[in-house]
Amino acid sequence: MKHILIILTFFGLTIFGTNGQTKGMVDRHYFDISDLNPNDTLYRIYKTDRYEIGVPCGYVNQKQDTIIPIGKYFYCFLDTVTTYAIVGDTGKNSSEIYAIDQDENRLYEVYWFDNGPDYVSDGLFRIKRNGKVGFANTRGQIMIKPQLDCANQFDNGKAKVTFDCNLKEIGGHKKMYSDNWFYIDKSGTRIE
């Protein structure tokens, strides 16, 4: 009887003990881009005539040495890599995509927008680390530390953001709701 009680307690904590955390949320260790002037450029490779999502991919360097083997990722969003690549894991049926450096260190998740990674707007795109939103530039450098709950893309040097946000799915798209939106500039400074 005691063993059954322990198993039921563990089962109950597993199901109900999430404290409101996002399902599947993992506290990850991230790296920052260490080399903005690498000696080599990587090029996407694949085995089919045409590249599209789901086609196994990898990267080779200029000497055609395999750096990231074909099949490690289910999608390689960038065809040429200097400081970072945007990839998706093999076999996942989720839409998680993330940035890696040439050594395959995870830099951050890339904000999923529409049907792929967030678009560059005003020189920046949205990223996520441990569930918080920030912004990176086209070289992959974090320009605004991930600390926001929700953020819109930059337009004319400013972005509408908030520290408290609820996401609701409407018609297959997530809509952001908050009563505390404000604007920031490209340095992350609040605009009054």
N, C-alpha and C. Protein backbone atom coordinates (compact mmCIF):
# COMPACT_ATOMS: atom_id res chain seq x y z
N MET A 1 0.83 -1.20 0.00
CA MET A 1 0.00 0.00 0.00
C MET A 1 0.87 1.26 0.00
N LYS A 2 1.97 1.21 0.77
CA LYS A 2 2.86 2.35 0.85
C LYS A 2 3.47 2.66 -0.52
N HIS A 3 3.85 1.62 -1.28
CA HIS A 3 4.43 1.79 -2.62
C HIS A 3 3.43 2.41 -3.58
N ILE A 4 2.18 2.00 -3.49
CA ILE A 4 1.14 2.56 -4.36
C ILE A 4 0.94 4.04 -4.05
N LEU A 5 0.95 4.41 -2.76
CA LEU A 5 0.81 5.80 -2.35
C LEU A 5 1.97 6.65 -2.89
N ILE A 6 3.19 6.13 -2.84
CA ILE A 6 4.36 6.84 -3.36
C ILE A 6 4.24 7.03 -4.87
N ILE A 7 3.84 5.99 -5.57
CA ILE A 7 3.68 6.07 -7.03
C ILE A 7 2.60 7.07 -7.38
N LEU A 8 1.46 7.04 -6.69
CA LEU A 8 0.38 7.98 -6.97
C LEU A 8 0.80 9.42 -6.66
N THR A 9 1.56 9.62 -5.57
CA THR A 9 2.04 10.96 -5.23
C THR A 9 2.98 11.46 -6.32
N PHE A 10 3.91 10.62 -6.76
CA PHE A 10 4.84 11.01 -7.82
C PHE A 10 4.08 11.33 -9.11
N PHE A 11 3.09 10.48 -9.45
CA PHE A 11 2.28 10.69 -10.65
C PHE A 11 1.53 12.02 -10.56
N GLY A 12 0.96 12.32 -9.40
CA GLY A 12 0.22 13.57 -9.20
C GLY A 12 1.14 14.78 -9.32
N LEU A 13 2.33 14.71 -8.75
CA LEU A 13 3.28 15.82 -8.86
C LEU A 13 3.73 16.01 -10.30
N THR A 14 3.89 14.91 -11.02
CA THR A 14 4.31 15.01 -12.42
C THR A 14 3.25 15.69 -13.26
N ILE A 15 1.99 15.36 -13.02
CA ILE A 15 0.92 15.94 -13.82
C ILE A 15 0.57 17.35 -13.37
N PHE A 16 0.45 17.56 -12.07
CA PHE A 16 -0.08 18.82 -11.58
C PHE A 16 0.99 19.78 -11.04
N GLY A 17 2.22 19.37 -10.98
CA GLY A 17 3.26 20.18 -10.36
C GLY A 17 4.03 21.08 -11.30
N THR A 18 3.39 21.65 -12.29
CA THR A 18 4.10 22.48 -13.25
C THR A 18 4.18 23.94 -12.85
N ASN A 19 3.42 24.36 -11.83
CA ASN A 19 3.43 25.76 -11.39
C ASN A 19 3.21 26.75 -12.52
N GLY A 20 2.41 26.39 -13.49
CA GLY A 20 2.09 27.31 -14.57
C GLY A 20 3.17 27.47 -15.62
N GLN A 21 4.26 26.70 -15.54
CA GLN A 21 5.31 26.83 -16.54
C GLN A 21 4.81 26.29 -17.87
N THR A 22 5.38 26.84 -18.93
CA THR A 22 5.02 26.41 -20.27
C THR A 22 5.39 24.96 -20.46
N LYS A 23 4.47 24.19 -21.06
CA LYS A 23 4.72 22.79 -21.32
C LYS A 23 5.97 22.64 -22.18
N GLY A 24 6.86 21.76 -21.76
CA GLY A 24 8.06 21.51 -22.53
C GLY A 24 9.16 22.55 -22.31
N MET A 25 8.94 23.51 -21.44
CA MET A 25 9.91 24.57 -21.21
C MET A 25 11.12 23.99 -20.50
N VAL A 26 12.29 24.20 -21.06
CA VAL A 26 13.53 23.69 -20.49
C VAL A 26 14.45 24.88 -20.26
N ASP A 27 15.06 24.94 -19.09
CA ASP A 27 16.04 25.98 -18.83
C ASP A 27 17.34 25.54 -19.48
N ARG A 28 17.74 26.21 -20.56
CA ARG A 28 18.88 25.80 -21.36
C ARG A 28 20.10 26.66 -21.08
N HIS A 29 21.25 26.09 -21.39
CA HIS A 29 22.50 26.84 -21.36
C HIS A 29 22.76 27.34 -22.78
N TYR A 30 23.04 28.61 -22.91
CA TYR A 30 23.26 29.22 -24.22
C TYR A 30 24.68 29.76 -24.33
N PHE A 31 25.12 29.93 -25.55
CA PHE A 31 26.41 30.53 -25.85
C PHE A 31 26.18 31.83 -26.59
N ASP A 32 27.17 32.68 -26.61
CA ASP A 32 27.14 33.88 -27.42
C ASP A 32 28.13 33.69 -28.57
N ILE A 33 27.90 34.39 -29.66
CA ILE A 33 28.81 34.29 -30.80
C ILE A 33 30.17 34.80 -30.35
N SER A 34 31.18 33.96 -30.55
CA SER A 34 32.51 34.33 -30.09
C SER A 34 33.40 34.85 -31.23
N ASP A 35 33.07 34.52 -32.47
CA ASP A 35 33.93 34.90 -33.58
C ASP A 35 33.10 35.55 -34.69
N LEU A 36 33.20 36.86 -34.79
CA LEU A 36 32.45 37.58 -35.83
C LEU A 36 33.22 37.64 -37.15
N ASN A 37 34.45 37.16 -37.15
CA ASN A 37 35.26 37.13 -38.36
C ASN A 37 35.90 35.75 -38.54
N PRO A 38 35.09 34.72 -38.76
CA PRO A 38 35.65 33.37 -38.87
C PRO A 38 36.51 33.24 -40.13
N ASN A 39 37.43 32.30 -40.09
CA ASN A 39 38.33 32.06 -41.23
C ASN A 39 37.63 31.33 -42.36
N ASP A 40 36.52 30.73 -42.09
CA ASP A 40 35.85 29.89 -43.08
C ASP A 40 34.37 30.22 -43.17
N THR A 41 33.78 29.93 -44.29
CA THR A 41 32.35 30.05 -44.52
C THR A 41 31.81 28.64 -44.74
N LEU A 42 30.63 28.37 -44.22
CA LEU A 42 30.00 27.07 -44.42
C LEU A 42 28.89 27.20 -45.45
N TYR A 43 28.69 26.11 -46.21
CA TYR A 43 27.68 26.08 -47.26
C TYR A 43 26.75 24.89 -47.04
N ARG A 44 25.44 25.14 -47.21
CA ARG A 44 24.44 24.09 -47.04
C ARG A 44 24.60 23.04 -48.13
N ILE A 45 24.46 21.77 -47.74
CA ILE A 45 24.49 20.66 -48.68
C ILE A 45 23.27 19.77 -48.43
N TYR A 46 22.85 19.03 -49.46
CA TYR A 46 21.73 18.11 -49.38
C TYR A 46 21.84 17.15 -50.55
N LYS A 47 21.06 16.07 -50.54
CA LYS A 47 21.20 15.01 -51.54
C LYS A 47 20.13 15.02 -52.63
N THR A 48 19.24 15.96 -52.64
CA THR A 48 18.18 15.99 -53.64
C THR A 48 18.44 17.08 -54.67
N ASP A 49 17.59 17.12 -55.70
CA ASP A 49 17.74 18.15 -56.74
C ASP A 49 17.34 19.53 -56.24
N ARG A 50 16.38 19.56 -55.35
CA ARG A 50 15.85 20.83 -54.85
C ARG A 50 15.78 20.79 -53.33
N TYR A 51 16.11 21.90 -52.71
CA TYR A 51 16.08 21.94 -51.25
C TYR A 51 14.76 22.51 -50.76
N GLU A 52 14.16 21.82 -49.79
CA GLU A 52 12.92 22.27 -49.15
C GLU A 52 12.87 21.68 -47.75
N ILE A 53 11.91 22.17 -46.94
CA ILE A 53 11.81 21.71 -45.57
C ILE A 53 11.63 20.20 -45.53
N GLY A 54 12.32 19.56 -44.61
CA GLY A 54 12.26 18.12 -44.46
C GLY A 54 13.34 17.37 -45.21
N VAL A 55 14.03 18.03 -46.14
CA VAL A 55 15.13 17.40 -46.86
C VAL A 55 16.34 17.43 -45.93
N PRO A 56 16.93 16.27 -45.64
CA PRO A 56 18.11 16.26 -44.76
C PRO A 56 19.20 17.19 -45.30
N CYS A 57 19.81 17.93 -44.40
CA CYS A 57 20.80 18.92 -44.80
C CYS A 57 22.00 18.88 -43.88
N GLY A 58 23.03 19.56 -44.28
CA GLY A 58 24.24 19.70 -43.48
C GLY A 58 25.03 20.87 -44.02
N TYR A 59 26.27 21.02 -43.54
CA TYR A 59 27.12 22.12 -43.99
C TYR A 59 28.54 21.63 -44.23
N VAL A 60 29.16 22.14 -45.27
CA VAL A 60 30.57 21.90 -45.56
C VAL A 60 31.31 23.23 -45.57
N ASN A 61 32.64 23.17 -45.39
CA ASN A 61 33.42 24.40 -45.47
C ASN A 61 33.89 24.62 -46.91
N GLN A 62 34.72 25.62 -47.12
CA GLN A 62 35.18 25.96 -48.47
C GLN A 62 36.03 24.86 -49.10
N LYS A 63 36.65 24.01 -48.28
CA LYS A 63 37.47 22.90 -48.80
C LYS A 63 36.61 21.65 -49.04
N GLN A 64 35.30 21.77 -48.83
CA GLN A 64 34.34 20.68 -48.97
C GLN A 64 34.46 19.63 -47.86
N ASP A 65 35.09 20.01 -46.74
CA ASP A 65 35.11 19.14 -45.56
C ASP A 65 33.75 19.23 -44.88
N THR A 66 33.19 18.10 -44.50
CA THR A 66 31.91 18.10 -43.80
C THR A 66 32.10 18.63 -42.38
N ILE A 67 31.39 19.69 -42.08
CA ILE A 67 31.42 20.28 -40.75
C ILE A 67 30.20 19.83 -39.95
N ILE A 68 29.04 19.85 -40.58
CA ILE A 68 27.80 19.35 -39.98
C ILE A 68 27.24 18.34 -40.96
N PRO A 69 27.18 17.06 -40.58
CA PRO A 69 26.77 16.02 -41.52
C PRO A 69 25.31 16.14 -41.96
N ILE A 70 25.05 15.70 -43.18
CA ILE A 70 23.69 15.68 -43.72
C ILE A 70 22.83 14.80 -42.83
N GLY A 71 21.64 15.28 -42.50
CA GLY A 71 20.69 14.52 -41.71
C GLY A 71 20.65 14.88 -40.24
N LYS A 72 21.58 15.69 -39.80
CA LYS A 72 21.57 16.07 -38.39
C LYS A 72 20.39 16.99 -38.08
N TYR A 73 20.00 17.83 -39.04
CA TYR A 73 18.89 18.76 -38.87
C TYR A 73 17.84 18.52 -39.95
N PHE A 74 16.57 18.74 -39.59
CA PHE A 74 15.52 18.55 -40.59
C PHE A 74 15.38 19.77 -41.48
N TYR A 75 15.98 20.88 -41.08
CA TYR A 75 15.96 22.05 -41.94
C TYR A 75 17.13 22.96 -41.61
N CYS A 76 17.77 23.47 -42.64
CA CYS A 76 18.85 24.44 -42.51
C CYS A 76 18.36 25.70 -43.22
N PHE A 77 17.95 26.70 -42.47
CA PHE A 77 17.30 27.87 -43.05
C PHE A 77 18.25 28.78 -43.82
N LEU A 78 19.54 28.75 -43.52
CA LEU A 78 20.50 29.60 -44.23
C LEU A 78 21.36 28.75 -45.16
N ASP A 79 21.54 29.22 -46.39
CA ASP A 79 22.37 28.45 -47.32
C ASP A 79 23.86 28.71 -47.14
N THR A 80 24.21 29.86 -46.57
CA THR A 80 25.60 30.23 -46.32
C THR A 80 25.73 30.67 -44.87
N VAL A 81 26.74 30.14 -44.18
CA VAL A 81 26.92 30.44 -42.76
C VAL A 81 28.28 31.07 -42.54
N THR A 82 28.27 32.25 -41.93
CA THR A 82 29.53 32.85 -41.49
C THR A 82 29.59 32.80 -39.97
N THR A 83 28.72 33.53 -39.29
CA THR A 83 28.76 33.56 -37.83
C THR A 83 27.71 32.68 -37.16
N TYR A 84 26.59 32.42 -37.84
CA TYR A 84 25.55 31.59 -37.24
C TYR A 84 24.70 30.94 -38.32
N ALA A 85 24.02 29.86 -37.93
CA ALA A 85 23.06 29.17 -38.80
C ALA A 85 21.75 29.06 -38.04
N ILE A 86 20.65 28.96 -38.77
CA ILE A 86 19.34 28.70 -38.17
C ILE A 86 18.92 27.31 -38.63
N VAL A 87 18.67 26.42 -37.65
CA VAL A 87 18.39 25.02 -37.95
C VAL A 87 17.20 24.51 -37.15
N GLY A 88 16.70 23.34 -37.55
CA GLY A 88 15.67 22.63 -36.81
C GLY A 88 16.12 21.20 -36.61
N ASP A 89 15.79 20.58 -35.48
CA ASP A 89 16.24 19.22 -35.16
C ASP A 89 15.58 18.17 -36.03
N THR A 90 16.31 17.09 -36.30
CA THR A 90 15.80 15.96 -37.05
C THR A 90 14.72 15.24 -36.25
N GLY A 91 13.65 14.88 -36.93
CA GLY A 91 12.62 14.07 -36.33
C GLY A 91 11.62 14.82 -35.47
N LYS A 92 11.83 16.08 -35.23
CA LYS A 92 10.87 16.82 -34.42
C LYS A 92 9.68 17.20 -35.30
N ASN A 93 8.50 17.11 -34.73
CA ASN A 93 7.32 17.55 -35.47
C ASN A 93 6.84 18.90 -34.94
N SER A 94 7.67 19.56 -34.13
CA SER A 94 7.33 20.88 -33.63
C SER A 94 7.96 21.93 -34.53
N SER A 95 7.71 23.17 -34.21
CA SER A 95 8.25 24.25 -35.02
C SER A 95 9.43 24.94 -34.34
N GLU A 96 10.11 24.24 -33.42
CA GLU A 96 11.25 24.86 -32.75
C GLU A 96 12.44 24.94 -33.70
N ILE A 97 12.93 26.14 -33.83
CA ILE A 97 14.13 26.38 -34.62
C ILE A 97 15.07 27.23 -33.77
N TYR A 98 16.35 27.07 -34.01
CA TYR A 98 17.30 27.80 -33.18
C TYR A 98 18.56 28.13 -33.96
N ALA A 99 19.32 29.06 -33.40
CA ALA A 99 20.58 29.49 -34.01
C ALA A 99 21.73 28.74 -33.35
N ILE A 100 22.69 28.35 -34.19
CA ILE A 100 23.92 27.72 -33.71
C ILE A 100 25.11 28.45 -34.31
N ASP A 101 26.26 28.36 -33.65
CA ASP A 101 27.48 28.89 -34.25
C ASP A 101 28.13 27.76 -35.06
N GLN A 102 29.30 28.01 -35.62
CA GLN A 102 29.96 27.01 -36.46
C GLN A 102 30.40 25.78 -35.68
N ASP A 103 30.48 25.88 -34.35
CA ASP A 103 30.81 24.73 -33.50
C ASP A 103 29.56 24.03 -32.99
N GLU A 104 28.40 24.43 -33.49
CA GLU A 104 27.09 23.88 -33.14
C GLU A 104 26.65 24.18 -31.70
N ASN A 105 27.19 25.23 -31.10
CA ASN A 105 26.70 25.68 -29.81
C ASN A 105 25.38 26.41 -30.01
N ARG A 106 24.40 26.11 -29.16
CA ARG A 106 23.09 26.76 -29.26
C ARG A 106 23.22 28.19 -28.77
N LEU A 107 22.81 29.13 -29.62
CA LEU A 107 22.87 30.55 -29.28
C LEU A 107 21.56 31.04 -28.69
N TYR A 108 20.45 30.68 -29.32
CA TYR A 108 19.11 31.07 -28.90
C TYR A 108 18.10 30.42 -29.82
N GLU A 109 16.84 30.39 -29.38
CA GLU A 109 15.76 29.96 -30.27
C GLU A 109 15.43 31.16 -31.15
N VAL A 110 15.03 30.89 -32.37
CA VAL A 110 14.60 31.96 -33.27
C VAL A 110 13.08 32.00 -33.22
N TYR A 111 12.55 33.17 -33.04
CA TYR A 111 11.10 33.38 -32.93
C TYR A 111 10.41 32.83 -34.18
N TRP A 112 9.45 31.95 -33.97
CA TRP A 112 8.70 31.36 -35.08
C TRP A 112 7.62 32.34 -35.50
N PHE A 113 7.64 32.74 -36.77
CA PHE A 113 6.67 33.71 -37.27
C PHE A 113 6.16 33.24 -38.62
N ASP A 114 4.87 33.19 -38.76
CA ASP A 114 4.25 32.73 -39.99
C ASP A 114 4.62 31.27 -40.21
N ASN A 115 5.47 30.96 -41.18
CA ASN A 115 5.85 29.57 -41.45
C ASN A 115 7.35 29.35 -41.37
N GLY A 116 8.03 30.12 -40.56
CA GLY A 116 9.48 29.96 -40.45
C GLY A 116 10.07 30.94 -39.47
N PRO A 117 11.39 31.13 -39.57
CA PRO A 117 12.04 32.05 -38.63
C PRO A 117 11.57 33.47 -38.86
N ASP A 118 11.61 34.27 -37.80
CA ASP A 118 11.19 35.66 -37.87
C ASP A 118 11.94 36.38 -38.97
N TYR A 119 11.26 37.28 -39.66
CA TYR A 119 11.88 38.08 -40.71
C TYR A 119 12.75 39.16 -40.10
N VAL A 120 13.81 39.50 -40.81
CA VAL A 120 14.62 40.65 -40.40
C VAL A 120 13.83 41.90 -40.75
N SER A 121 13.65 42.77 -39.78
CA SER A 121 12.93 44.02 -39.98
C SER A 121 13.72 45.13 -39.30
N ASP A 122 14.08 46.14 -40.05
CA ASP A 122 14.91 47.23 -39.53
C ASP A 122 16.25 46.72 -39.01
N GLY A 123 16.75 45.65 -39.61
CA GLY A 123 18.06 45.10 -39.25
C GLY A 123 18.07 44.15 -38.07
N LEU A 124 16.90 43.86 -37.47
CA LEU A 124 16.82 42.98 -36.31
C LEU A 124 15.73 41.93 -36.50
N PHE A 125 15.89 40.80 -35.82
CA PHE A 125 14.84 39.78 -35.79
C PHE A 125 14.68 39.30 -34.36
N ARG A 126 13.49 38.75 -34.07
CA ARG A 126 13.17 38.32 -32.71
C ARG A 126 13.78 36.96 -32.40
N ILE A 127 14.24 36.83 -31.16
CA ILE A 127 14.83 35.59 -30.67
C ILE A 127 14.21 35.28 -29.31
N LYS A 128 14.48 34.06 -28.81
CA LYS A 128 14.00 33.68 -27.48
C LYS A 128 15.09 32.91 -26.75
N ARG A 129 15.16 33.16 -25.45
CA ARG A 129 15.99 32.37 -24.54
C ARG A 129 15.16 32.11 -23.30
N ASN A 130 15.00 30.83 -22.97
CA ASN A 130 14.22 30.44 -21.79
C ASN A 130 12.86 31.13 -21.73
N GLY A 131 12.19 31.22 -22.88
CA GLY A 131 10.84 31.74 -22.95
C GLY A 131 10.72 33.25 -23.05
N LYS A 132 11.80 33.97 -22.97
CA LYS A 132 11.77 35.44 -23.05
C LYS A 132 12.22 35.89 -24.44
N VAL A 133 11.65 36.99 -24.91
CA VAL A 133 11.91 37.50 -26.26
C VAL A 133 12.93 38.63 -26.21
N GLY A 134 13.82 38.64 -27.21
CA GLY A 134 14.80 39.71 -27.39
C GLY A 134 15.02 39.88 -28.89
N PHE A 135 16.11 40.54 -29.27
CA PHE A 135 16.38 40.81 -30.69
C PHE A 135 17.85 40.56 -31.00
N ALA A 136 18.11 40.03 -32.20
CA ALA A 136 19.47 39.84 -32.71
C ALA A 136 19.59 40.56 -34.04
N ASN A 137 20.85 40.86 -34.42
CA ASN A 137 21.08 41.50 -35.72
C ASN A 137 21.39 40.46 -36.79
N THR A 138 21.65 40.89 -37.99
CA THR A 138 21.86 39.97 -39.12
C THR A 138 23.18 39.20 -39.02
N ARG A 139 24.05 39.54 -38.09
CA ARG A 139 25.27 38.76 -37.85
C ARG A 139 25.04 37.73 -36.74
N GLY A 140 23.84 37.73 -36.17
CA GLY A 140 23.51 36.79 -35.11
C GLY A 140 23.79 37.27 -33.71
N GLN A 141 24.31 38.48 -33.56
CA GLN A 141 24.62 39.03 -32.24
C GLN A 141 23.33 39.48 -31.55
N ILE A 142 23.24 39.20 -30.25
CA ILE A 142 22.10 39.67 -29.47
C ILE A 142 22.28 41.17 -29.24
N MET A 143 21.30 41.94 -29.68
CA MET A 143 21.33 43.39 -29.53
C MET A 143 20.44 43.86 -28.37
N ILE A 144 19.35 43.14 -28.14
CA ILE A 144 18.46 43.42 -27.01
C ILE A 144 18.25 42.09 -26.28
N LYS A 145 18.74 42.04 -25.07
CA LYS A 145 18.70 40.83 -24.26
C LYS A 145 17.27 40.28 -24.15
N PRO A 146 17.09 38.95 -24.30
CA PRO A 146 15.76 38.37 -24.11
C PRO A 146 15.26 38.56 -22.68
N GLN A 147 14.24 39.40 -22.55
CA GLN A 147 13.67 39.72 -21.24
C GLN A 147 12.19 40.05 -21.33
N LEU A 148 11.66 40.09 -22.54
CA LEU A 148 10.28 40.50 -22.79
C LEU A 148 9.37 39.29 -22.90
N ASP A 149 8.11 39.47 -22.54
CA ASP A 149 7.14 38.38 -22.74
C ASP A 149 6.65 38.35 -24.19
N CYS A 150 6.43 39.51 -24.78
CA CYS A 150 5.98 39.60 -26.18
C CYS A 150 6.62 40.83 -26.82
N ALA A 151 6.82 40.75 -28.12
CA ALA A 151 7.41 41.86 -28.85
C ALA A 151 6.98 41.78 -30.31
N ASN A 152 6.67 42.93 -30.87
CA ASN A 152 6.43 43.02 -32.31
C ASN A 152 7.75 43.32 -33.00
N GLN A 153 7.77 43.18 -34.31
CA GLN A 153 8.98 43.48 -35.08
C GLN A 153 9.27 44.98 -35.04
N PHE A 154 10.53 45.32 -35.30
CA PHE A 154 10.92 46.72 -35.39
C PHE A 154 10.39 47.31 -36.69
N ASP A 155 9.98 48.57 -36.60
CA ASP A 155 9.52 49.32 -37.76
C ASP A 155 9.88 50.78 -37.51
N ASN A 156 10.62 51.37 -38.43
CA ASN A 156 11.05 52.76 -38.30
C ASN A 156 11.77 53.03 -36.97
N GLY A 157 12.63 52.09 -36.57
CA GLY A 157 13.47 52.29 -35.39
C GLY A 157 12.83 52.03 -34.05
N LYS A 158 11.61 51.48 -34.02
CA LYS A 158 10.98 51.19 -32.73
C LYS A 158 10.16 49.91 -32.83
N ALA A 159 9.97 49.28 -31.66
CA ALA A 159 9.16 48.06 -31.57
C ALA A 159 8.23 48.17 -30.38
N LYS A 160 7.02 47.66 -30.54
CA LYS A 160 6.02 47.61 -29.47
C LYS A 160 6.26 46.31 -28.68
N VAL A 161 6.48 46.44 -27.34
CA VAL A 161 6.85 45.30 -26.51
C VAL A 161 6.10 45.35 -25.18
N THR A 162 6.20 44.26 -24.43
CA THR A 162 5.59 44.21 -23.10
C THR A 162 6.30 43.16 -22.23
N PHE A 163 6.25 43.38 -20.92
CA PHE A 163 6.79 42.43 -19.96
C PHE A 163 5.73 41.45 -19.46
N ASP A 164 4.47 41.72 -19.77
CA ASP A 164 3.40 40.80 -19.37
C ASP A 164 2.45 40.61 -20.54
N CYS A 165 2.35 39.38 -20.97
CA CYS A 165 1.60 39.10 -22.19
C CYS A 165 0.96 37.73 -22.09
N ASN A 166 -0.20 37.63 -22.68
CA ASN A 166 -0.89 36.35 -22.82
C ASN A 166 -1.02 36.05 -24.30
N LEU A 167 -0.74 34.81 -24.66
CA LEU A 167 -0.88 34.36 -26.05
C LEU A 167 -2.14 33.53 -26.16
N LYS A 168 -2.97 33.84 -27.14
CA LYS A 168 -4.18 33.06 -27.40
C LYS A 168 -4.18 32.65 -28.86
N GLU A 169 -4.51 31.39 -29.09
CA GLU A 169 -4.55 30.89 -30.46
C GLU A 169 -5.91 31.20 -31.07
N ILE A 170 -5.87 31.87 -32.20
CA ILE A 170 -7.08 32.23 -32.93
C ILE A 170 -6.88 31.86 -34.39
N GLY A 171 -7.67 30.93 -34.87
CA GLY A 171 -7.59 30.53 -36.27
C GLY A 171 -6.23 30.00 -36.69
N GLY A 172 -5.56 29.27 -35.80
CA GLY A 172 -4.26 28.70 -36.11
C GLY A 172 -3.09 29.65 -35.92
N HIS A 173 -3.37 30.89 -35.50
CA HIS A 173 -2.31 31.87 -35.25
C HIS A 173 -2.37 32.32 -33.80
N LYS A 174 -1.22 32.64 -33.23
CA LYS A 174 -1.18 33.13 -31.86
C LYS A 174 -1.27 34.64 -31.86
N LYS A 175 -2.16 35.15 -31.02
CA LYS A 175 -2.35 36.59 -30.89
C LYS A 175 -1.85 37.00 -29.51
N MET A 176 -1.16 38.15 -29.46
CA MET A 176 -0.58 38.66 -28.22
C MET A 176 -1.52 39.66 -27.57
N TYR A 177 -1.77 39.48 -26.26
CA TYR A 177 -2.64 40.38 -25.51
C TYR A 177 -1.90 40.93 -24.29
N SER A 178 -1.98 42.24 -24.09
CA SER A 178 -1.42 42.89 -22.90
C SER A 178 -2.06 44.27 -22.75
N ASP A 179 -2.16 44.72 -21.53
CA ASP A 179 -2.62 46.09 -21.25
C ASP A 179 -1.45 47.03 -21.01
N ASN A 180 -0.22 46.51 -21.12
CA ASN A 180 0.96 47.30 -20.75
C ASN A 180 2.01 47.37 -21.87
N TRP A 181 1.57 47.60 -23.08
CA TRP A 181 2.50 47.74 -24.20
C TRP A 181 3.25 49.06 -24.09
N PHE A 182 4.47 49.08 -24.56
CA PHE A 182 5.26 50.31 -24.69
C PHE A 182 6.23 50.12 -25.85
N TYR A 183 6.91 51.18 -26.24
CA TYR A 183 7.85 51.12 -27.36
C TYR A 183 9.29 51.21 -26.87
N ILE A 184 10.17 50.50 -27.58
CA ILE A 184 11.61 50.61 -27.32
C ILE A 184 12.31 50.97 -28.63
N ASP A 185 13.51 51.55 -28.48
CA ASP A 185 14.33 51.81 -29.66
C ASP A 185 15.28 50.63 -29.87
N LYS A 186 16.16 50.72 -30.86
CA LYS A 186 17.01 49.60 -31.21
C LYS A 186 18.08 49.28 -30.16
N SER A 187 18.26 50.15 -29.19
CA SER A 187 19.18 49.85 -28.10
C SER A 187 18.45 49.20 -26.93
N GLY A 188 17.12 49.09 -27.04
CA GLY A 188 16.31 48.51 -25.97
C GLY A 188 15.81 49.53 -24.97
N THR A 189 16.09 50.80 -25.22
CA THR A 189 15.65 51.88 -24.33
C THR A 189 14.20 52.20 -24.56
N ARG A 190 13.47 52.33 -23.48
CA ARG A 190 12.04 52.66 -23.54
C ARG A 190 11.86 54.07 -24.13
N ILE A 191 10.93 54.17 -25.07
CA ILE A 191 10.62 55.46 -25.69
C ILE A 191 9.36 55.99 -25.02
N GLU A 192 9.44 57.19 -24.50
CA GLU A 192 8.28 57.80 -23.81
C GLU A 192 7.39 58.52 -24.78
